[in-house]
Amino acid sequence: MIREGSSQITMTIHVDKSNVYGSCPYFYFADLLIAETTCDGKIKMYELLREYKPIHILNLPPTSLGEDAFVYWYNEILKAKERLEREFAVEITTAKLQEAIRLVNEERRALLEFHRLNRHDPAPLSGLDLLKVLWAKGFTPDIAAGTAVIRQVTLAVKEQMARGVSAAPPGSPRILLTGCPVGLGSEKVIKLVEAGGGVVVCLESCSGIKALEPLVDEEGDPLQAIAAKYLQVPCPCLTPNRGRLELLERLIKEYRVDGVIDLTWQACHTYNIESYSIKKFVQEKEGLPFLPIETDYSTSDLQQLKVRIDAFLEMIK
């Protein structure tokens, strides 16, 4: 509420906890939150979330290398399993875990097939097309049904490709977007690229292709397989992070990339610092144009970003 006086304006902020519950149905209906210690901001936010919901935190090791890191992370996965069993009075058996792994692996395969459609030139999918499908799967509780929808969409796109339909004209600059995750509501960089005549052919981030590979091993101990899979995700929160360079090198070739944009959300220091290494790799080893962008979720810098992105695309053309 804002009260205007004769000489000053006084602002009073009232926090209504019911609004927190009502703003997101997933949060409202959740019985337990599972969180992970990635960025510093999220870690501190968990302290506040405890006021609303029970929370279990998975503590990441500082590195993915070595037996000690694996044992530490495996124990974190094991503690999460035990917490779920206690909280909901269930038994999570090896058989159930193996079944769940196979189910989620099928979803990953479907999403990878969908994403890889953009290896084709001209690209059949815009960056927004990619984002909408990849984002929607995170809000689909029935994984099998969601996987079936992804395969149907992939088939429909292949039929369009056979008719010569594409998301952008041949010769449009093909851009790989790396860096911080992007979701619906924070897609302004993708929109600006595609409004400027480019096409985002690959989303490398955690909300894109990065988390889809490798698949979880479907044989042996399922908890060990899960731990091994997620330690292989090339996340800047783990150091050293050579896997990100290896992934970028492969994606640049597979998607016939003409330029790389590295997106960092403000205050995300791990991605911000790692941008130096990404720039050096893209420009010196791959010989490609590189554009670092640091921004926030607001629209206040749209015109500034438009000028920079348009100039970047013009340089590629």
Protein backbone atom coordinates (compact mmCIF):
# COMPACT_ATOMS: atom_id res chain seq x y z
CA MET A 1 0.00 0.00 0.00
CA ILE A 2 1.26 3.51 -0.86
CA ARG A 3 0.17 6.50 1.19
CA GLU A 4 0.84 9.93 -0.22
CA GLY A 5 1.45 12.75 2.23
CA SER A 6 2.01 16.45 1.73
CA SER A 7 5.80 16.16 1.43
CA GLN A 8 6.68 12.49 1.01
CA ILE A 9 5.43 9.10 -0.08
CA THR A 10 5.49 6.28 2.46
CA MET A 11 5.41 2.67 1.24
CA THR A 12 4.18 -0.11 3.50
CA ILE A 13 4.76 -3.71 2.40
CA HIS A 14 2.52 -6.40 3.86
CA VAL A 15 3.50 -10.03 3.32
CA ASP A 16 0.53 -12.39 3.18
CA LYS A 17 1.65 -16.00 3.47
CA SER A 18 -1.59 -17.19 1.85
CA ASN A 19 -0.46 -15.53 -1.38
CA VAL A 20 2.68 -17.68 -1.38
CA TYR A 21 0.55 -20.81 -1.17
CA GLY A 22 -1.92 -19.62 -3.79
CA SER A 23 0.54 -18.40 -6.40
CA CYS A 24 1.67 -21.88 -7.48
CA PRO A 25 -0.55 -24.98 -7.34
CA TYR A 26 2.47 -27.29 -7.31
CA PHE A 27 3.82 -25.56 -4.21
CA TYR A 28 0.37 -25.50 -2.62
CA PHE A 29 -0.21 -29.24 -2.93
CA ALA A 30 3.36 -30.33 -2.16
CA ASP A 31 3.91 -32.29 1.06
CA LEU A 32 7.71 -32.10 0.87
CA LEU A 33 10.20 -29.97 -1.04
CA ILE A 34 13.46 -31.52 -2.25
CA ALA A 35 16.15 -28.93 -2.94
CA GLU A 36 19.79 -28.96 -3.96
CA THR A 37 22.74 -26.76 -3.01
CA THR A 38 23.62 -25.19 -6.34
CA CYS A 39 23.58 -21.38 -6.38
CA ASP A 40 24.05 -19.36 -3.19
CA GLY A 41 20.75 -17.53 -3.59
CA LYS A 42 18.77 -20.75 -3.68
CA ILE A 43 20.59 -22.09 -0.62
CA LYS A 44 19.54 -19.09 1.46
CA MET A 45 16.01 -19.16 0.03
CA TYR A 46 15.56 -22.67 1.44
CA GLU A 47 15.80 -21.17 4.93
CA LEU A 48 12.73 -19.06 4.12
CA LEU A 49 10.85 -21.89 2.44
CA ARG A 50 11.07 -23.90 5.66
CA GLU A 51 8.49 -21.52 7.08
CA TYR A 52 5.94 -22.86 4.60
CA LYS A 53 6.81 -26.47 3.82
CA PRO A 54 8.98 -29.35 5.05
CA ILE A 55 12.18 -29.43 3.01
CA HIS A 56 14.94 -31.95 2.35
CA ILE A 57 18.24 -30.65 0.99
CA LEU A 58 20.63 -32.59 -1.23
CA ASN A 59 24.12 -31.23 -0.56
CA LEU A 60 26.25 -31.32 -3.69
CA PRO A 61 29.96 -32.11 -3.44
CA PRO A 62 32.24 -29.31 -4.69
CA THR A 63 33.62 -31.56 -7.44
CA SER A 64 32.43 -34.48 -9.53
CA LEU A 65 35.88 -36.08 -9.66
CA GLY A 66 37.20 -38.93 -7.55
CA GLU A 67 35.77 -41.74 -5.47
CA ASP A 68 35.22 -39.49 -2.46
CA ALA A 69 32.87 -37.25 -4.46
CA PHE A 70 30.88 -40.23 -5.68
CA VAL A 71 30.56 -41.77 -2.22
CA TYR A 72 29.49 -38.42 -0.76
CA TRP A 73 26.85 -37.88 -3.45
CA TYR A 74 25.63 -41.47 -3.26
CA ASN A 75 25.04 -41.01 0.47
CA GLU A 76 23.06 -37.84 -0.22
CA ILE A 77 20.85 -39.78 -2.67
CA LEU A 78 20.46 -42.55 -0.09
CA LYS A 79 19.41 -40.07 2.61
CA ALA A 80 16.81 -38.60 0.27
CA LYS A 81 15.39 -42.06 -0.37
CA GLU A 82 15.20 -42.77 3.36
CA ARG A 83 13.52 -39.41 4.02
CA LEU A 84 10.86 -40.15 1.40
CA GLU A 85 10.22 -43.57 2.91
CA ARG A 86 9.80 -42.10 6.40
CA GLU A 87 7.76 -39.12 5.28
CA PHE A 88 5.24 -41.08 3.23
CA ALA A 89 5.36 -44.50 4.91
CA VAL A 90 6.40 -46.28 1.70
CA GLU A 91 9.13 -48.70 0.68
CA ILE A 92 11.24 -47.69 -2.29
CA THR A 93 12.46 -51.03 -3.58
CA THR A 94 15.17 -51.79 -6.11
CA ALA A 95 12.53 -53.05 -8.53
CA LYS A 96 10.50 -49.85 -8.25
CA LEU A 97 13.60 -47.71 -8.77
CA GLN A 98 14.63 -49.69 -11.84
CA GLU A 99 11.14 -49.31 -13.28
CA ALA A 100 11.25 -45.54 -12.64
CA ILE A 101 14.69 -45.29 -14.25
CA ARG A 102 13.44 -47.02 -17.41
CA LEU A 103 10.41 -44.73 -17.50
CA VAL A 104 12.42 -41.52 -17.19
CA ASN A 105 15.05 -42.77 -19.64
CA GLU A 106 12.28 -43.18 -22.21
CA GLU A 107 11.27 -39.57 -21.60
CA ARG A 108 14.90 -38.49 -22.06
CA ARG A 109 15.16 -40.44 -25.32
CA ALA A 110 11.99 -38.79 -26.63
CA LEU A 111 13.23 -35.33 -25.67
CA LEU A 112 16.63 -35.95 -27.24
CA GLU A 113 15.01 -37.10 -30.48
CA PHE A 114 12.86 -33.96 -30.47
CA HIS A 115 15.81 -31.67 -29.76
CA ARG A 116 17.96 -33.33 -32.43
CA LEU A 117 15.47 -32.45 -35.14
CA ASN A 118 17.30 -29.12 -35.24
CA ARG A 119 20.47 -30.75 -36.49
CA HIS A 120 18.74 -30.39 -39.84
CA ASP A 121 19.44 -27.26 -41.89
CA PRO A 122 17.19 -25.30 -42.19
CA ALA A 123 16.03 -25.82 -38.63
CA PRO A 124 12.46 -27.15 -38.34
CA LEU A 125 12.05 -25.73 -34.82
CA SER A 126 12.54 -22.27 -33.41
CA GLY A 127 14.15 -21.78 -30.03
CA LEU A 128 10.74 -20.94 -28.61
CA ASP A 129 9.35 -24.21 -30.00
CA LEU A 130 12.13 -26.09 -28.25
CA LEU A 131 11.65 -24.22 -25.01
CA LYS A 132 7.88 -24.74 -24.87
CA VAL A 133 8.15 -28.52 -25.23
CA LEU A 134 11.16 -28.92 -22.93
CA TRP A 135 9.56 -26.66 -20.32
CA ALA A 136 6.15 -28.33 -20.45
CA LYS A 137 7.54 -31.77 -19.65
CA GLY A 138 8.54 -30.54 -16.19
CA PHE A 139 4.88 -29.92 -15.38
CA THR A 140 3.58 -33.26 -16.63
CA PRO A 141 3.03 -35.62 -13.66
CA ASP A 142 2.20 -38.61 -15.88
CA ILE A 143 5.62 -39.27 -17.42
CA ALA A 144 4.45 -42.03 -19.77
CA ALA A 145 1.63 -39.88 -21.14
CA GLY A 146 3.98 -36.91 -21.50
CA THR A 147 6.52 -39.03 -23.37
CA ALA A 148 3.80 -40.17 -25.78
CA VAL A 149 2.89 -36.53 -26.48
CA ILE A 150 6.54 -35.64 -27.15
CA ARG A 151 6.80 -38.49 -29.66
CA GLN A 152 3.60 -37.34 -31.37
CA VAL A 153 4.95 -33.81 -31.66
CA THR A 154 8.25 -35.15 -33.04
CA LEU A 155 6.37 -37.16 -35.66
CA ALA A 156 4.32 -34.11 -36.65
CA VAL A 157 7.48 -32.02 -37.06
CA LYS A 158 9.07 -34.73 -39.22
CA GLU A 159 6.01 -34.65 -41.47
CA GLN A 160 6.38 -30.89 -41.80
CA MET A 161 10.07 -31.30 -42.60
CA ALA A 162 9.14 -33.72 -45.40
CA ARG A 163 6.97 -30.94 -46.87
CA GLY A 164 9.86 -28.47 -46.66
CA VAL A 165 8.50 -26.49 -43.70
CA SER A 166 11.12 -24.84 -41.47
CA ALA A 167 11.23 -22.41 -38.57
CA ALA A 168 13.54 -19.99 -40.37
CA PRO A 169 14.69 -19.44 -43.96
CA PRO A 170 17.80 -21.28 -45.21
CA GLY A 171 20.92 -19.33 -44.35
CA SER A 172 19.56 -17.87 -41.11
CA PRO A 173 22.28 -17.62 -38.44
CA ARG A 174 22.17 -20.77 -36.32
CA ILE A 175 22.72 -19.87 -32.67
CA LEU A 176 23.56 -22.09 -29.71
CA LEU A 177 22.36 -20.65 -26.40
CA THR A 178 24.47 -21.72 -23.43
CA GLY A 179 24.64 -20.53 -19.84
CA CYS A 180 21.92 -20.23 -17.20
CA PRO A 181 18.64 -22.12 -17.58
CA VAL A 182 15.81 -20.41 -19.44
CA GLY A 183 12.11 -20.93 -18.84
CA LEU A 184 8.85 -19.53 -20.11
CA GLY A 185 8.70 -15.99 -18.76
CA SER A 186 12.47 -15.53 -19.08
CA GLU A 187 12.85 -16.19 -22.79
CA LYS A 188 13.60 -12.63 -23.88
CA VAL A 189 17.04 -13.44 -25.36
CA ILE A 190 15.58 -16.22 -27.51
CA LYS A 191 12.81 -13.90 -28.73
CA LEU A 192 15.29 -11.15 -29.61
CA VAL A 193 17.55 -13.55 -31.53
CA GLU A 194 14.66 -14.85 -33.59
CA ALA A 195 13.09 -11.43 -34.10
CA GLY A 196 16.48 -10.33 -35.48
CA GLY A 197 16.55 -13.05 -38.11
CA GLY A 198 18.48 -15.78 -36.30
CA VAL A 199 17.27 -19.13 -35.00
CA VAL A 200 18.25 -20.72 -31.69
CA VAL A 201 18.88 -24.29 -32.84
CA CYS A 202 20.17 -25.67 -29.53
CA LEU A 203 19.60 -24.97 -25.85
CA GLU A 204 22.65 -26.29 -24.01
CA SER A 205 21.57 -25.28 -20.52
CA CYS A 206 20.07 -27.37 -17.71
CA SER A 207 16.60 -26.53 -19.02
CA GLY A 208 17.71 -27.80 -22.44
CA ILE A 209 19.83 -30.71 -23.60
CA LYS A 210 22.50 -30.75 -20.87
CA ALA A 211 20.48 -32.72 -18.32
CA LEU A 212 19.24 -35.28 -20.85
CA GLU A 213 22.60 -36.97 -21.35
CA PRO A 214 23.81 -39.47 -20.39
CA LEU A 215 20.95 -41.82 -19.61
CA VAL A 216 20.84 -43.54 -16.23
CA ASP A 217 22.32 -47.03 -16.30
CA GLU A 218 19.41 -49.47 -16.17
CA GLU A 219 21.51 -52.34 -14.80
CA GLY A 220 23.00 -52.83 -11.35
CA ASP A 221 22.34 -50.81 -8.22
CA PRO A 222 19.83 -48.07 -9.12
CA LEU A 223 20.94 -45.58 -6.47
CA GLN A 224 24.54 -45.84 -7.64
CA ALA A 225 23.37 -45.41 -11.24
CA ILE A 226 21.39 -42.28 -10.33
CA ALA A 227 24.34 -40.83 -8.41
CA ALA A 228 26.73 -41.55 -11.29
CA LYS A 229 24.41 -39.95 -13.86
CA TYR A 230 23.97 -36.64 -12.08
CA LEU A 231 27.66 -36.28 -11.28
CA GLN A 232 28.24 -36.38 -15.05
CA VAL A 233 26.04 -33.34 -15.74
CA PRO A 234 28.56 -30.56 -16.62
CA CYS A 235 27.35 -28.02 -14.06
CA PRO A 236 29.41 -24.89 -13.19
CA CYS A 237 28.59 -25.53 -9.54
CA LEU A 238 31.10 -28.40 -9.73
CA THR A 239 34.75 -27.77 -10.38
CA PRO A 240 36.61 -28.33 -12.60
CA ASN A 241 33.90 -28.34 -15.26
CA ARG A 242 35.69 -29.55 -18.37
CA GLY A 243 32.61 -31.51 -19.40
CA ARG A 244 30.85 -28.32 -20.44
CA LEU A 245 33.54 -27.54 -23.00
CA GLU A 246 33.39 -31.09 -24.32
CA LEU A 247 29.60 -30.87 -24.62
CA LEU A 248 29.78 -27.50 -26.39
CA GLU A 249 32.37 -28.81 -28.83
CA ARG A 250 30.09 -31.69 -29.80
CA LEU A 251 26.90 -29.62 -30.00
CA ILE A 252 28.55 -26.93 -32.14
CA LYS A 253 29.41 -29.57 -34.74
CA GLU A 254 26.18 -31.56 -34.53
CA TYR A 255 23.91 -28.49 -34.83
CA ARG A 256 26.09 -26.67 -37.41
CA VAL A 257 26.28 -23.61 -35.17
CA ASP A 258 27.24 -20.18 -36.56
CA GLY A 259 27.52 -18.36 -33.24
CA VAL A 260 27.26 -18.86 -29.47
CA ILE A 261 25.43 -16.70 -26.94
CA ASP A 262 26.29 -17.21 -23.27
CA LEU A 263 23.47 -16.08 -20.97
CA THR A 264 24.11 -15.28 -17.31
CA TRP A 265 21.39 -14.18 -14.93
CA GLN A 266 22.58 -11.46 -12.59
CA ALA A 267 24.14 -12.74 -9.35
CA CYS A 268 24.79 -16.20 -10.83
CA HIS A 269 28.50 -16.05 -10.11
CA THR A 270 29.44 -19.58 -11.17
CA TYR A 271 28.16 -19.03 -14.71
CA ASN A 272 29.49 -15.48 -14.76
CA ILE A 273 33.05 -16.52 -13.96
CA GLU A 274 32.91 -19.56 -16.23
CA SER A 275 31.89 -17.31 -19.14
CA TYR A 276 35.57 -16.34 -19.49
CA SER A 277 36.54 -19.94 -20.28
CA ILE A 278 33.57 -20.37 -22.62
CA LYS A 279 34.49 -17.23 -24.57
CA LYS A 280 38.11 -18.36 -24.94
CA PHE A 281 37.02 -21.82 -26.08
CA VAL A 282 34.41 -20.64 -28.59
CA GLN A 283 36.53 -17.92 -30.15
CA GLU A 284 39.99 -19.50 -30.11
CA LYS A 285 39.28 -23.22 -30.52
CA GLU A 286 36.03 -23.19 -32.48
CA GLY A 287 36.62 -19.91 -34.32
CA LEU A 288 33.03 -18.75 -33.86
CA PRO A 289 31.46 -15.40 -32.90
CA PHE A 290 30.64 -15.21 -29.20
CA LEU A 291 28.28 -12.91 -27.31
CA PRO A 292 28.17 -12.83 -23.48
CA ILE A 293 24.97 -11.46 -21.98
CA GLU A 294 24.39 -10.67 -18.32
CA THR A 295 20.83 -9.64 -17.53
CA ASP A 296 17.86 -10.28 -15.24
CA TYR A 297 14.26 -11.40 -15.70
CA SER A 298 12.91 -7.89 -16.27
CA THR A 299 12.23 -6.16 -19.59
CA SER A 300 14.10 -2.97 -18.63
CA ASP A 301 17.07 -3.69 -20.92
CA LEU A 302 15.21 -5.03 -23.96
CA GLN A 303 16.31 -2.24 -26.28
CA GLN A 304 19.93 -2.47 -25.17
CA LEU A 305 19.91 -6.24 -25.69
CA LYS A 306 18.22 -5.83 -29.07
CA VAL A 307 21.01 -3.56 -30.31
CA ARG A 308 23.72 -5.98 -29.14
CA ILE A 309 22.01 -9.10 -30.49
CA ASP A 310 21.15 -7.48 -33.84
CA ALA A 311 24.78 -6.42 -34.24
CA PHE A 312 25.94 -9.93 -33.35
CA LEU A 313 23.64 -11.48 -35.95
CA GLU A 314 24.66 -8.92 -38.56
CA MET A 315 28.29 -9.86 -38.01
CA ILE A 316 27.43 -13.52 -38.73
CA LYS A 317 25.39 -12.71 -41.84
